[in-house]
Amino acid sequence: MKLEQNTKILIVGLGLIGGSYARGFSKRGYRVSAIDPDRSALEFALGEGFIEKGSVLPDPALLREADLVIFALYPHLIVPWVKENQAAFAPGTVLSDVTGVKACVVYDLQACLRADLEFIAAHPMAGREVSGVRNADDAIFENANFIVVPTDKNTFRAIQICRSVGETLGFARISSLPPRAHDEMIGFVSQLTHCIAICLMNCSTSEHLVDYTGDSFRDLTRIARINETMWSELFLLNKEALLQQMDSFMEEFAVLRELLANSDREGLKEKMRLSTARRALFDRPAEGGNQE
């Protein structure tokens, strides 16, 4: 189900993901406005034609005319922003987000929200190793996953609107997880992988690695080019789940090391066969596009 064409969309935060949302929606004929404290980001988006209006401050007129508001802010900024500005939203406005952690945001936000507004969380599993609206590109959503993160306070209407965001922007798969299950999963598939990439780039002091590496090292460390402000916040906000995943990884690494230390060829081969079989699941085409 695509988002209704007359939906007026407000993006709060015109970074890479907020800008890519704005570009994707406007390209599909939706009316998009944006709020961002960086005037140059707004001017770029206006010049590129993927927003109609922009403001460096939370303009009550922009808030009042929005049907759907998407927050592309650092997690710690969302709840204070909504508390300060929610009076300007029209009744029935649906709010959503793009943040990488949920439990620390969703429940507090839903608790402080006006009764005639609704917040439904979402996580677009897409990105690039660069930041800022000038790198915005809705092509990053192709073949990507989109996670809807509902709670028992969410209505069927809001969940469907959230799903339609993912469908409209062209995500390949749409799934659903409650907030804490989402954070546990993201601790493994996203945050742990960034930890590994960081460690790989920091465990050798050689300045000449670039002269000798092949594709395997480049692929493993692609995400080591990292926004330290955003990712340190994400790690700390999801600390308990991420620490559990780090411990699990170190246990598995220790098993592999022990097999190698003992020259256990068959044990090593079995680990490799298992990893090959599990990785093959990622190469299967999406069945039907949307999954629960």
C-alpha atoms as a PDB file:
ATOM      1  CA  MET A   1       0.000   0.000   0.000  1.00  0.00           C
ATOM      2  CA  LYS A   2       1.466   3.326  -1.068  1.00  0.00           C
ATOM      3  CA  LEU A   3       1.101   6.466   1.015  1.00  0.00           C
ATOM      4  CA  GLU A   4      -1.924   8.541   0.003  1.00  0.00           C
ATOM      5  CA  GLN A   5      -0.795  11.050  -2.599  1.00  0.00           C
ATOM      6  CA  ASN A   6      -2.273  14.076  -0.811  1.00  0.00           C
ATOM      7  CA  THR A   7      -0.260  13.383   2.366  1.00  0.00           C
ATOM      8  CA  LYS A   8       1.769  16.425   3.400  1.00  0.00           C
ATOM      9  CA  ILE A   9       5.117  15.330   4.816  1.00  0.00           C
ATOM     10  CA  LEU A  10       7.390  17.234   7.183  1.00  0.00           C
ATOM     11  CA  ILE A  11      10.982  16.063   7.700  1.00  0.00           C
ATOM     12  CA  VAL A  12      12.659  17.271  10.888  1.00  0.00           C
ATOM     13  CA  GLY A  13      16.400  16.956  10.323  1.00  0.00           C
ATOM     14  CA  LEU A  14      17.898  17.109   6.828  1.00  0.00           C
ATOM     15  CA  GLY A  15      20.903  14.853   7.143  1.00  0.00           C
ATOM     16  CA  LEU A  16      21.653  11.874   4.940  1.00  0.00           C
ATOM     17  CA  ILE A  17      18.547   9.846   5.815  1.00  0.00           C
ATOM     18  CA  GLY A  18      16.177  12.789   6.258  1.00  0.00           C
ATOM     19  CA  GLY A  19      17.395  14.208   2.973  1.00  0.00           C
ATOM     20  CA  SER A  20      17.048  10.843   1.228  1.00  0.00           C
ATOM     21  CA  TYR A  21      13.465  10.569   2.512  1.00  0.00           C
ATOM     22  CA  ALA A  22      12.732  14.060   1.219  1.00  0.00           C
ATOM     23  CA  ARG A  23      14.293  13.305  -2.164  1.00  0.00           C
ATOM     24  CA  GLY A  24      12.426  10.015  -2.466  1.00  0.00           C
ATOM     25  CA  PHE A  25       9.031  11.415  -1.502  1.00  0.00           C
ATOM     26  CA  SER A  26       9.290  14.509  -3.685  1.00  0.00           C
ATOM     27  CA  LYS A  27      10.398  12.420  -6.672  1.00  0.00           C
ATOM     28  CA  ARG A  28       7.180  10.468  -6.262  1.00  0.00           C
ATOM     29  CA  GLY A  29       5.037  13.578  -6.266  1.00  0.00           C
ATOM     30  CA  TYR A  30       4.540  14.215  -2.541  1.00  0.00           C
ATOM     31  CA  ARG A  31       4.611  17.657  -0.979  1.00  0.00           C
ATOM     32  CA  VAL A  32       7.564  17.784   1.395  1.00  0.00           C
ATOM     33  CA  SER A  33       8.752  20.473   3.794  1.00  0.00           C
ATOM     34  CA  ALA A  34      11.644  20.411   6.247  1.00  0.00           C
ATOM     35  CA  ILE A  35      12.998  21.898   9.448  1.00  0.00           C
ATOM     36  CA  ASP A  36      16.741  22.001  10.087  1.00  0.00           C
ATOM     37  CA  PRO A  37      18.914  24.505  11.974  1.00  0.00           C
ATOM     38  CA  ASP A  38      21.446  24.458   9.122  1.00  0.00           C
ATOM     39  CA  ARG A  39      20.253  27.072   6.627  1.00  0.00           C
ATOM     40  CA  SER A  40      22.666  25.835   3.962  1.00  0.00           C
ATOM     41  CA  ALA A  41      21.098  22.356   4.141  1.00  0.00           C
ATOM     42  CA  LEU A  42      17.650  23.853   3.577  1.00  0.00           C
ATOM     43  CA  GLU A  43      18.911  25.999   0.719  1.00  0.00           C
ATOM     44  CA  PHE A  44      20.478  22.961  -0.929  1.00  0.00           C
ATOM     45  CA  ALA A  45      17.267  20.930  -0.626  1.00  0.00           C
ATOM     46  CA  LEU A  46      15.176  23.825  -1.940  1.00  0.00           C
ATOM     47  CA  GLY A  47      17.588  24.331  -4.821  1.00  0.00           C
ATOM     48  CA  GLU A  48      17.477  20.637  -5.696  1.00  0.00           C
ATOM     49  CA  GLY A  49      13.685  20.770  -5.580  1.00  0.00           C
ATOM     50  CA  PHE A  50      13.063  17.992  -3.087  1.00  0.00           C
ATOM     51  CA  ILE A  51      11.414  20.223  -0.496  1.00  0.00           C
ATOM     52  CA  GLU A  52       8.838  22.953  -1.108  1.00  0.00           C
ATOM     53  CA  LYS A  53       9.361  24.838   2.149  1.00  0.00           C
ATOM     54  CA  GLY A  54      12.004  24.978   4.832  1.00  0.00           C
ATOM     55  CA  SER A  55      12.649  26.634   8.167  1.00  0.00           C
ATOM     56  CA  VAL A  56      15.582  26.773  10.573  1.00  0.00           C
ATOM     57  CA  LEU A  57      13.123  26.964  13.478  1.00  0.00           C
ATOM     58  CA  PRO A  58      10.028  24.863  14.294  1.00  0.00           C
ATOM     59  CA  ASP A  59       7.636  27.077  12.334  1.00  0.00           C
ATOM     60  CA  PRO A  60       4.109  26.491  13.735  1.00  0.00           C
ATOM     61  CA  ALA A  61       2.640  26.914  10.243  1.00  0.00           C
ATOM     62  CA  LEU A  62       4.752  24.040   8.883  1.00  0.00           C
ATOM     63  CA  LEU A  63       3.871  21.864  11.849  1.00  0.00           C
ATOM     64  CA  ARG A  64       0.166  22.617  11.581  1.00  0.00           C
ATOM     65  CA  GLU A  65      -0.154  21.675   7.899  1.00  0.00           C
ATOM     66  CA  ALA A  66       1.759  18.371   8.167  1.00  0.00           C
ATOM     67  CA  ASP A  67      -0.115  15.053   8.023  1.00  0.00           C
ATOM     68  CA  LEU A  68       3.012  12.975   8.602  1.00  0.00           C
ATOM     69  CA  VAL A  69       6.099  14.135  10.503  1.00  0.00           C
ATOM     70  CA  ILE A  70       9.328  12.138  10.327  1.00  0.00           C
ATOM     71  CA  PHE A  71      12.100  12.839  12.818  1.00  0.00           C
ATOM     72  CA  ALA A  72      15.611  12.308  11.447  1.00  0.00           C
ATOM     73  CA  LEU A  73      17.349  13.569  14.589  1.00  0.00           C
ATOM     74  CA  TYR A  74      19.785  12.150  17.100  1.00  0.00           C
ATOM     75  CA  PRO A  75      17.743   9.998  19.523  1.00  0.00           C
ATOM     76  CA  HIS A  76      18.259  12.219  22.574  1.00  0.00           C
ATOM     77  CA  LEU A  77      16.782  15.217  20.743  1.00  0.00           C
ATOM     78  CA  ILE A  78      13.422  13.766  19.720  1.00  0.00           C
ATOM     79  CA  VAL A  79      11.470  13.707  23.003  1.00  0.00           C
ATOM     80  CA  PRO A  80      12.454  17.276  24.065  1.00  0.00           C
ATOM     81  CA  TRP A  81      11.650  18.533  20.544  1.00  0.00           C
ATOM     82  CA  VAL A  82       8.185  16.995  20.613  1.00  0.00           C
ATOM     83  CA  LYS A  83       7.436  18.198  24.147  1.00  0.00           C
ATOM     84  CA  GLU A  84       8.317  21.757  23.160  1.00  0.00           C
ATOM     85  CA  ASN A  85       6.490  21.858  19.837  1.00  0.00           C
ATOM     86  CA  GLN A  86       3.625  19.363  19.830  1.00  0.00           C
ATOM     87  CA  ALA A  87       1.004  22.012  20.580  1.00  0.00           C
ATOM     88  CA  ALA A  88       1.301  23.225  16.992  1.00  0.00           C
ATOM     89  CA  PHE A  89       0.440  19.879  15.355  1.00  0.00           C
ATOM     90  CA  ALA A  90      -3.057  19.397  13.978  1.00  0.00           C
ATOM     91  CA  PRO A  91      -5.172  16.661  15.596  1.00  0.00           C
ATOM     92  CA  GLY A  92      -4.617  13.303  13.914  1.00  0.00           C
ATOM     93  CA  THR A  93      -1.034  13.990  12.864  1.00  0.00           C
ATOM     94  CA  VAL A  94       1.106  10.853  12.729  1.00  0.00           C
ATOM     95  CA  LEU A  95       4.721  11.100  13.889  1.00  0.00           C
ATOM     96  CA  SER A  96       7.492   8.670  13.000  1.00  0.00           C
ATOM     97  CA  ASP A  97      11.294   8.505  13.035  1.00  0.00           C
ATOM     98  CA  VAL A  98      14.398   6.902  11.526  1.00  0.00           C
ATOM     99  CA  THR A  99      16.530   6.388  14.642  1.00  0.00           C
ATOM    100  CA  GLY A 100      18.666   3.297  15.218  1.00  0.00           C
ATOM    101  CA  VAL A 101      17.544   2.646  18.829  1.00  0.00           C
ATOM    102  CA  LYS A 102      13.962   2.474  20.009  1.00  0.00           C
ATOM    103  CA  ALA A 103      13.217   1.464  23.604  1.00  0.00           C
ATOM    104  CA  CYS A 104      14.943   4.554  25.030  1.00  0.00           C
ATOM    105  CA  VAL A 105      12.839   6.831  22.800  1.00  0.00           C
ATOM    106  CA  VAL A 106       9.490   5.233  21.970  1.00  0.00           C
ATOM    107  CA  TYR A 107       7.975   4.747  25.413  1.00  0.00           C
ATOM    108  CA  ASP A 108       8.933   8.192  26.730  1.00  0.00           C
ATOM    109  CA  LEU A 109       7.646   9.841  23.584  1.00  0.00           C
ATOM    110  CA  GLN A 110       4.338   8.011  23.581  1.00  0.00           C
ATOM    111  CA  ALA A 111       3.896   8.830  27.275  1.00  0.00           C
ATOM    112  CA  CYS A 112       4.295  12.582  26.761  1.00  0.00           C
ATOM    113  CA  LEU A 113       2.333  12.858  23.508  1.00  0.00           C
ATOM    114  CA  ARG A 114      -1.040  14.568  23.168  1.00  0.00           C
ATOM    115  CA  ALA A 115      -3.927  12.098  23.062  1.00  0.00           C
ATOM    116  CA  ASP A 116      -4.920  13.188  19.538  1.00  0.00           C
ATOM    117  CA  LEU A 117      -1.428  12.544  18.076  1.00  0.00           C
ATOM    118  CA  GLU A 118       0.290   9.221  17.466  1.00  0.00           C
ATOM    119  CA  PHE A 119       3.934   8.166  17.267  1.00  0.00           C
ATOM    120  CA  ILE A 120       4.873   4.989  15.390  1.00  0.00           C
ATOM    121  CA  ALA A 121       8.572   4.141  15.242  1.00  0.00           C
ATOM    122  CA  ALA A 122      10.415   2.917  12.161  1.00  0.00           C
ATOM    123  CA  HIS A 123      13.978   2.019  11.230  1.00  0.00           C
ATOM    124  CA  PRO A 124      15.180   2.218   7.626  1.00  0.00           C
ATOM    125  CA  MET A 125      18.110  -0.202   7.461  1.00  0.00           C
ATOM    126  CA  ALA A 126      20.036   1.867   4.955  1.00  0.00           C
ATOM    127  CA  GLY A 127      22.906   4.310   4.928  1.00  0.00           C
ATOM    128  CA  ARG A 128      26.210   5.343   3.437  1.00  0.00           C
ATOM    129  CA  GLU A 129      29.696   6.119   4.749  1.00  0.00           C
ATOM    130  CA  VAL A 130      29.088   9.816   4.202  1.00  0.00           C
ATOM    131  CA  SER A 131      26.723  12.231   5.888  1.00  0.00           C
ATOM    132  CA  GLY A 132      24.716  15.351   5.165  1.00  0.00           C
ATOM    133  CA  VAL A 133      21.922  16.304   2.822  1.00  0.00           C
ATOM    134  CA  ARG A 134      24.309  16.834  -0.091  1.00  0.00           C
ATOM    135  CA  ASN A 135      24.827  13.072  -0.139  1.00  0.00           C
ATOM    136  CA  ALA A 136      21.101  12.295   0.030  1.00  0.00           C
ATOM    137  CA  ASP A 137      20.057   9.585  -2.399  1.00  0.00           C
ATOM    138  CA  ASP A 138      16.861   7.540  -2.174  1.00  0.00           C
ATOM    139  CA  ALA A 139      18.589   4.764  -4.173  1.00  0.00           C
ATOM    140  CA  ILE A 140      20.047   3.601  -0.837  1.00  0.00           C
ATOM    141  CA  PHE A 141      16.591   2.233   0.015  1.00  0.00           C
ATOM    142  CA  GLU A 142      16.576  -0.235  -2.886  1.00  0.00           C
ATOM    143  CA  ASN A 143      17.130  -3.822  -1.673  1.00  0.00           C
ATOM    144  CA  ALA A 144      17.119  -2.523   1.927  1.00  0.00           C
ATOM    145  CA  ASN A 145      15.045  -3.585   4.927  1.00  0.00           C
ATOM    146  CA  PHE A 146      12.489  -1.366   6.666  1.00  0.00           C
ATOM    147  CA  ILE A 147      11.444  -2.220  10.221  1.00  0.00           C
ATOM    148  CA  VAL A 148       8.162  -1.007  11.724  1.00  0.00           C
ATOM    149  CA  VAL A 149       8.441  -0.846  15.519  1.00  0.00           C
ATOM    150  CA  PRO A 150       4.961  -0.720  17.090  1.00  0.00           C
ATOM    151  CA  THR A 151       3.792  -0.856  20.692  1.00  0.00           C
ATOM    152  CA  ASP A 152       0.395  -1.726  22.129  1.00  0.00           C
ATOM    153  CA  LYS A 153      -0.439   1.997  22.015  1.00  0.00           C
ATOM    154  CA  ASN A 154      -0.322   2.094  18.224  1.00  0.00           C
ATOM    155  CA  THR A 155      -3.448   1.916  16.098  1.00  0.00           C
ATOM    156  CA  PHE A 156      -3.865  -0.122  12.937  1.00  0.00           C
ATOM    157  CA  ARG A 157      -4.098   3.143  10.976  1.00  0.00           C
ATOM    158  CA  ALA A 158      -0.705   4.414  12.141  1.00  0.00           C
ATOM    159  CA  ILE A 159       0.985   1.059  11.575  1.00  0.00           C
ATOM    160  CA  GLN A 160      -0.363   0.968   8.030  1.00  0.00           C
ATOM    161  CA  ILE A 161       0.818   4.533   7.383  1.00  0.00           C
ATOM    162  CA  CYS A 162       4.266   3.573   8.659  1.00  0.00           C
ATOM    163  CA  ARG A 163       4.374   0.489   6.432  1.00  0.00           C
ATOM    164  CA  SER A 164       3.300   2.617   3.493  1.00  0.00           C
ATOM    165  CA  VAL A 165       6.309   4.886   4.058  1.00  0.00           C
ATOM    166  CA  GLY A 166       8.598   1.915   3.468  1.00  0.00           C
ATOM    167  CA  GLU A 167       6.608   0.719   0.479  1.00  0.00           C
ATOM    168  CA  THR A 168       6.437   4.164  -1.110  1.00  0.00           C
ATOM    169  CA  LEU A 169      10.186   4.716  -0.787  1.00  0.00           C
ATOM    170  CA  GLY A 170      10.945   1.378  -2.419  1.00  0.00           C
ATOM    171  CA  PHE A 171      12.316  -0.737   0.421  1.00  0.00           C
ATOM    172  CA  ALA A 172      12.638  -4.388  -0.535  1.00  0.00           C
ATOM    173  CA  ARG A 173      11.411  -5.930   2.715  1.00  0.00           C
ATOM    174  CA  ILE A 174       9.152  -4.609   5.448  1.00  0.00           C
ATOM    175  CA  SER A 175       9.070  -6.363   8.814  1.00  0.00           C
ATOM    176  CA  SER A 176       7.911  -5.633  12.341  1.00  0.00           C
ATOM    177  CA  LEU A 177       9.533  -5.892  15.774  1.00  0.00           C
ATOM    178  CA  PRO A 178       8.619  -4.487  19.207  1.00  0.00           C
ATOM    179  CA  PRO A 179      11.091  -1.905  20.553  1.00  0.00           C
ATOM    180  CA  ARG A 180      13.221  -4.070  22.833  1.00  0.00           C
ATOM    181  CA  ALA A 181      13.404  -6.952  20.350  1.00  0.00           C
ATOM    182  CA  HIS A 182      14.403  -4.398  17.724  1.00  0.00           C
ATOM    183  CA  ASP A 183      17.239  -3.105  19.904  1.00  0.00           C
ATOM    184  CA  GLU A 184      18.523  -6.624  20.584  1.00  0.00           C
ATOM    185  CA  MET A 185      18.514  -7.445  16.872  1.00  0.00           C
ATOM    186  CA  ILE A 186      20.141  -4.141  15.893  1.00  0.00           C
ATOM    187  CA  GLY A 187      22.785  -4.701  18.548  1.00  0.00           C
ATOM    188  CA  PHE A 188      23.851  -7.749  16.537  1.00  0.00           C
ATOM    189  CA  VAL A 189      23.270  -6.979  12.855  1.00  0.00           C
ATOM    190  CA  SER A 190      24.303  -3.322  12.930  1.00  0.00           C
ATOM    191  CA  GLN A 191      26.088  -2.141  16.042  1.00  0.00           C
ATOM    192  CA  LEU A 192      28.282  -5.213  16.559  1.00  0.00           C
ATOM    193  CA  THR A 193      29.368  -5.105  12.925  1.00  0.00           C
ATOM    194  CA  HIS A 194      30.426  -1.484  13.353  1.00  0.00           C
ATOM    195  CA  CYS A 195      32.373  -2.473  16.486  1.00  0.00           C
ATOM    196  CA  ILE A 196      34.213  -5.155  14.517  1.00  0.00           C
ATOM    197  CA  ALA A 197      35.049  -2.722  11.710  1.00  0.00           C
ATOM    198  CA  ILE A 198      36.350  -0.167  14.222  1.00  0.00           C
ATOM    199  CA  CYS A 199      38.551  -2.778  15.899  1.00  0.00           C
ATOM    200  CA  LEU A 200      39.946  -3.980  12.566  1.00  0.00           C
ATOM    201  CA  MET A 201      41.004  -0.451  11.684  1.00  0.00           C
ATOM    202  CA  ASN A 202      42.527   0.129  15.127  1.00  0.00           C
ATOM    203  CA  CYS A 203      44.364  -3.148  15.782  1.00  0.00           C
ATOM    204  CA  SER A 204      47.176  -2.390  13.330  1.00  0.00           C
ATOM    205  CA  THR A 205      49.257   0.773  13.386  1.00  0.00           C
ATOM    206  CA  SER A 206      50.714   0.221   9.921  1.00  0.00           C
ATOM    207  CA  GLU A 207      50.330   3.255   7.687  1.00  0.00           C
ATOM    208  CA  HIS A 208      50.732   1.088   4.592  1.00  0.00           C
ATOM    209  CA  LEU A 209      47.720  -1.230   4.893  1.00  0.00           C
ATOM    210  CA  VAL A 210      46.163   0.430   1.869  1.00  0.00           C
ATOM    211  CA  ASP A 211      49.104  -0.760  -0.249  1.00  0.00           C
ATOM    212  CA  TYR A 212      48.488  -4.415   0.519  1.00  0.00           C
ATOM    213  CA  THR A 213      44.780  -4.975   1.191  1.00  0.00           C
ATOM    214  CA  GLY A 214      42.359  -6.780  -1.077  1.00  0.00           C
ATOM    215  CA  ASP A 215      38.595  -6.674  -1.408  1.00  0.00           C
ATOM    216  CA  SER A 216      37.962  -8.742   1.734  1.00  0.00           C
ATOM    217  CA  PHE A 217      39.531  -6.158   4.040  1.00  0.00           C
ATOM    218  CA  ARG A 218      37.877  -3.283   2.190  1.00  0.00           C
ATOM    219  CA  ASP A 219      34.475  -4.970   2.437  1.00  0.00           C
ATOM    220  CA  LEU A 220      34.850  -5.735   6.140  1.00  0.00           C
ATOM    221  CA  THR A 221      35.955  -2.201   7.008  1.00  0.00           C
ATOM    222  CA  ARG A 222      33.667  -0.193   4.707  1.00  0.00           C
ATOM    223  CA  ILE A 223      31.582   0.929   7.697  1.00  0.00           C
ATOM    224  CA  ALA A 224      34.648   1.957   9.711  1.00  0.00           C
ATOM    225  CA  ARG A 225      34.251   5.418   8.185  1.00  0.00           C
ATOM    226  CA  ILE A 226      31.865   6.409  10.925  1.00  0.00           C
ATOM    227  CA  ASN A 227      30.031   9.410  12.364  1.00  0.00           C
ATOM    228  CA  GLU A 228      31.501   9.248  15.870  1.00  0.00           C
ATOM    229  CA  THR A 229      28.907  11.571  17.401  1.00  0.00           C
ATOM    230  CA  MET A 230      25.929   9.558  16.212  1.00  0.00           C
ATOM    231  CA  TRP A 231      27.357   6.073  16.670  1.00  0.00           C
ATOM    232  CA  SER A 232      28.784   6.670  20.149  1.00  0.00           C
ATOM    233  CA  GLU A 233      25.298   7.807  21.174  1.00  0.00           C
ATOM    234  CA  LEU A 234      23.685   4.739  19.599  1.00  0.00           C
ATOM    235  CA  PHE A 235      26.156   2.410  21.309  1.00  0.00           C
ATOM    236  CA  LEU A 236      25.600   3.977  24.737  1.00  0.00           C
ATOM    237  CA  LEU A 237      21.812   4.084  24.421  1.00  0.00           C
ATOM    238  CA  ASN A 238      21.796   0.375  23.549  1.00  0.00           C
ATOM    239  CA  LYS A 239      24.672  -0.546  25.850  1.00  0.00           C
ATOM    240  CA  GLU A 240      23.151  -3.603  27.544  1.00  0.00           C
ATOM    241  CA  ALA A 241      22.120  -5.318  24.304  1.00  0.00           C
ATOM    242  CA  LEU A 242      25.371  -4.427  22.543  1.00  0.00           C
ATOM    243  CA  LEU A 243      27.534  -5.706  25.410  1.00  0.00           C
ATOM    244  CA  GLN A 244      25.686  -9.036  25.265  1.00  0.00           C
ATOM    245  CA  GLN A 245      26.348  -9.280  21.534  1.00  0.00           C
ATOM    246  CA  MET A 246      30.014  -8.351  21.995  1.00  0.00           C
ATOM    247  CA  ASP A 247      30.383 -11.063  24.664  1.00  0.00           C
ATOM    248  CA  SER A 248      28.749 -13.613  22.379  1.00  0.00           C
ATOM    249  CA  PHE A 249      31.074 -12.667  19.528  1.00  0.00           C
ATOM    250  CA  MET A 250      34.169 -12.940  21.713  1.00  0.00           C
ATOM    251  CA  GLU A 251      33.056 -16.389  22.885  1.00  0.00           C
ATOM    252  CA  GLU A 252      32.654 -17.576  19.298  1.00  0.00           C
ATOM    253  CA  PHE A 253      35.992 -16.010  18.317  1.00  0.00           C
ATOM    254  CA  ALA A 254      37.640 -17.830  21.231  1.00  0.00           C
ATOM    255  CA  VAL A 255      36.224 -21.137  19.956  1.00  0.00           C
ATOM    256  CA  LEU A 256      37.658 -20.480  16.501  1.00  0.00           C
ATOM    257  CA  ARG A 257      41.015 -19.542  18.017  1.00  0.00           C
ATOM    258  CA  GLU A 258      41.068 -22.753  20.034  1.00  0.00           C
ATOM    259  CA  LEU A 259      40.374 -24.838  16.929  1.00  0.00           C
ATOM    260  CA  LEU A 260      43.278 -23.138  15.178  1.00  0.00           C
ATOM    261  CA  ALA A 261      45.611 -23.474  18.175  1.00  0.00           C
ATOM    262  CA  ASN A 262      44.847 -27.204  18.303  1.00  0.00           C
ATOM    263  CA  SER A 263      45.323 -27.615  14.529  1.00  0.00           C
ATOM    264  CA  ASP A 264      41.771 -28.981  14.381  1.00  0.00           C
ATOM    265  CA  ARG A 265      41.256 -28.968  10.619  1.00  0.00           C
ATOM    266  CA  GLU A 266      37.859 -30.690  10.737  1.00  0.00           C
ATOM    267  CA  GLY A 267      36.602 -28.326  13.416  1.00  0.00           C
ATOM    268  CA  LEU A 268      37.678 -25.328  11.341  1.00  0.00           C
ATOM    269  CA  LYS A 269      36.054 -26.773   8.229  1.00  0.00           C
ATOM    270  CA  GLU A 270      32.790 -27.368  10.098  1.00  0.00           C
ATOM    271  CA  LYS A 271      32.714 -23.741  11.267  1.00  0.00           C
ATOM    272  CA  MET A 272      33.341 -22.620   7.692  1.00  0.00           C
ATOM    273  CA  ARG A 273      30.608 -24.877   6.294  1.00  0.00           C
ATOM    274  CA  LEU A 274      28.144 -23.506   8.838  1.00  0.00           C
ATOM    275  CA  SER A 275      29.026 -19.873   8.071  1.00  0.00           C
ATOM    276  CA  THR A 276      28.757 -20.543   4.327  1.00  0.00           C
ATOM    277  CA  ALA A 277      25.295 -22.091   4.714  1.00  0.00           C
ATOM    278  CA  ARG A 278      24.035 -19.244   6.881  1.00  0.00           C
ATOM    279  CA  ARG A 279      25.458 -16.566   4.594  1.00  0.00           C
ATOM    280  CA  ALA A 280      23.757 -18.198   1.594  1.00  0.00           C
ATOM    281  CA  LEU A 281      20.395 -17.228   3.091  1.00  0.00           C
ATOM    282  CA  PHE A 282      21.253 -13.584   2.425  1.00  0.00           C
ATOM    283  CA  ASP A 283      21.579 -14.222  -1.290  1.00  0.00           C
ATOM    284  CA  ARG A 284      18.030 -15.464  -1.739  1.00  0.00           C
ATOM    285  CA  PRO A 285      15.682 -13.011  -3.489  1.00  0.00           C
ATOM    286  CA  ALA A 286      12.982 -11.438  -1.353  1.00  0.00           C
ATOM    287  CA  GLU A 287       9.778 -13.435  -1.568  1.00  0.00           C
ATOM    288  CA  GLY A 288       6.873 -11.089  -2.167  1.00  0.00           C
ATOM    289  CA  GLY A 289       8.859  -8.093  -0.934  1.00  0.00           C
ATOM    290  CA  ASN A 290       7.124  -7.704   2.443  1.00  0.00           C
ATOM    291  CA  GLN A 291       7.611  -9.937   5.455  1.00  0.00           C
ATOM    292  CA  GLU A 292       6.427  -9.987   9.041  1.00  0.00           C
END
